[in-house]
């Protein structure tokens, strides 16, 4: 089909954008997307949903100390931003006036739709702005939601491995579904599709890291149509590359998540102070539509969507966006450098930081990019030699952050990085020096900020999602917190250094034990042998991949006050265990262990999950390492390092 002109059609309370491939119908001035005509289907969106509840933006927010508020986002003023034969851009804007005191959302929001000629899809974005003088408020979550026709779209795809026929929305209701201990988890007892009987449905099972996502959607039948949300960039999403977001869920619903707290907790909420001005462009993202007349080619719609994602990434930043607040390539800059790791107990030479994640964020503390929510972040992976270029960076002053698989901790360069329009900033050679005192006595796990290398059990046969049977993501199954007690029915876990295997003998989540109908604290034991003891301070590096409502205590050789070397209370609010995750907010603790607590011969370290009565509390360890005391020659270097590294002592 040749390139057709784009047309703007006003019809009563609706405005329509049409390019002969796609027709959008939008309610004005609110900006609700009420219809998408494509591929022989008059409307892809759910006809059973209210017109305000088919394609819409929404948010969760609160006033300081107040209750969470949910509201859909809608415009009050409609306008045409750009209108030509090749492109249409329209706006639905609501303007906040700080002089009007009250409890109204203190944000001006401009929702935009773009339709280009010859393009099988459309772009969406929004500009959020706080005028100076606005009252304080917290932005918790914002997203765009698409609800598709429930009679047509039954098959979802979020990766090559994660694709399946999904339940119907009616299956989640009483009679067809049974709600489990986690409210979002439903056991399908009498689903419309009998093949799904006995499975568990939970939207969190389909969460993905930003770095691993970028395209997700649904394939419909009669006609065979693909509906895909594509992120050409993640720069406008909060929390950096490891932030996990929802993608699709039973509905059929397709989400474009921009800003949220999932798998992190309140630490990532964007808190705005009284009078603080702010502006951020969320998007644009691309909604891609494809189709085939041959049912047997339906899978190829996913292959095609992945190719389209690459095309969108290659053309980012877009040249066709008509907002001065969205910067094109010429208005941006870049940074290039090479990253090394200095770890004298691994190599005498500098080690190229292979496949490291490096990024620019306005966060000014190590690891704080994980909870940065107000500004943009720009991340890439280094090559096998540690080289990298971060392109298309919005001008500004940033901290340079990074983390390297195989090494503990977070890197933050001492110098801030200034990015200027149209220029490449040369950072030269950078060196990350991970925390280290002395040689390794023992270690458990592999430092990659997840619990992926530990033992994940099979699901209880009563609560299976077939998609994750024999999958590398077995941790996505429901109810694994109770499997700890099934694996260790009488005694808590004991791990013996040099004998036990982390992949078989270290349960992936340190949770409470189930005894009868109660959940009680659990104590994990690490047994290790010391043939000699060096006077001084030993160091335990305790890297935690995620925590939820946990009271953690660490003891050496006896469980009394004198032998406690570490305690942290009420750690984490990430819900990774109950939301089927394998990581959340990364933390690194460095724990002093006086040599007087160690024994010549057999030793035991006790890790205590001291909070009882909570089925869903838990700690996901990333990596543990016990180091011998530093030699005198290395003590000065250690003190200098730890003066600016995040280091937690009892």
Foldseek 3Di string as FASTA:
>chain_A
DDWAFWDWDDDVQWIWIDGPAWIWIAGPLFGQTQAIDHDPRGGFWAPPDDSNPAKFKKFWKWAVVGDIDIDTGTADDKDWLDDDRFKTKIWGWDDADLVDDDGPDQWIKIKMKMDGIPAQWIWIKMKIKHAFQHAKMWTAWMWIKHQGYLVWWQWKDFDPLDIDGAFAPVCQDPPQWDADPPRQKTQGCHTPPVVRHLEIFGQLLQKDFQQPGFKIFTFTVPFTKTKIKGALDLFQAAQPRRDIDGAAGHSRMGMGTRYHQALFPPLQIDIDHRRDIAMGMGDTIIIGMDGDRDPVCSVVVVVVRVVVNVVSNVCPPPPPDRDPVRDGQQFWEKEKEFEWEDDVLVDVDTHGQAFKKKKWDQDDAWLCSRRHNRGTMWIDTAHRRRIDMTGRHRFDKTWIKIDGWQADGIDTDPDIDTIGRRYYHYPYYHYDYGADFFHFPAKAATFPLFLLQAAQDADDSSYHDVSLVVHSLSLSTADSLQVLCVVVVDAHAEAETPPDHRHHRPYQKLFFYQDPNWTAKHKYKYKYAAQDADFDKKKKKWKFFAWAQFWKWKFKQDPDPVGTFDIDGGPHHNLCNRSSHGGGRIDIEITIDGSVRDDHTMMMMMIMRHDIRDSRGIIGTRMITIRHGHDPVCPVVSVVVVVRGDYDTD
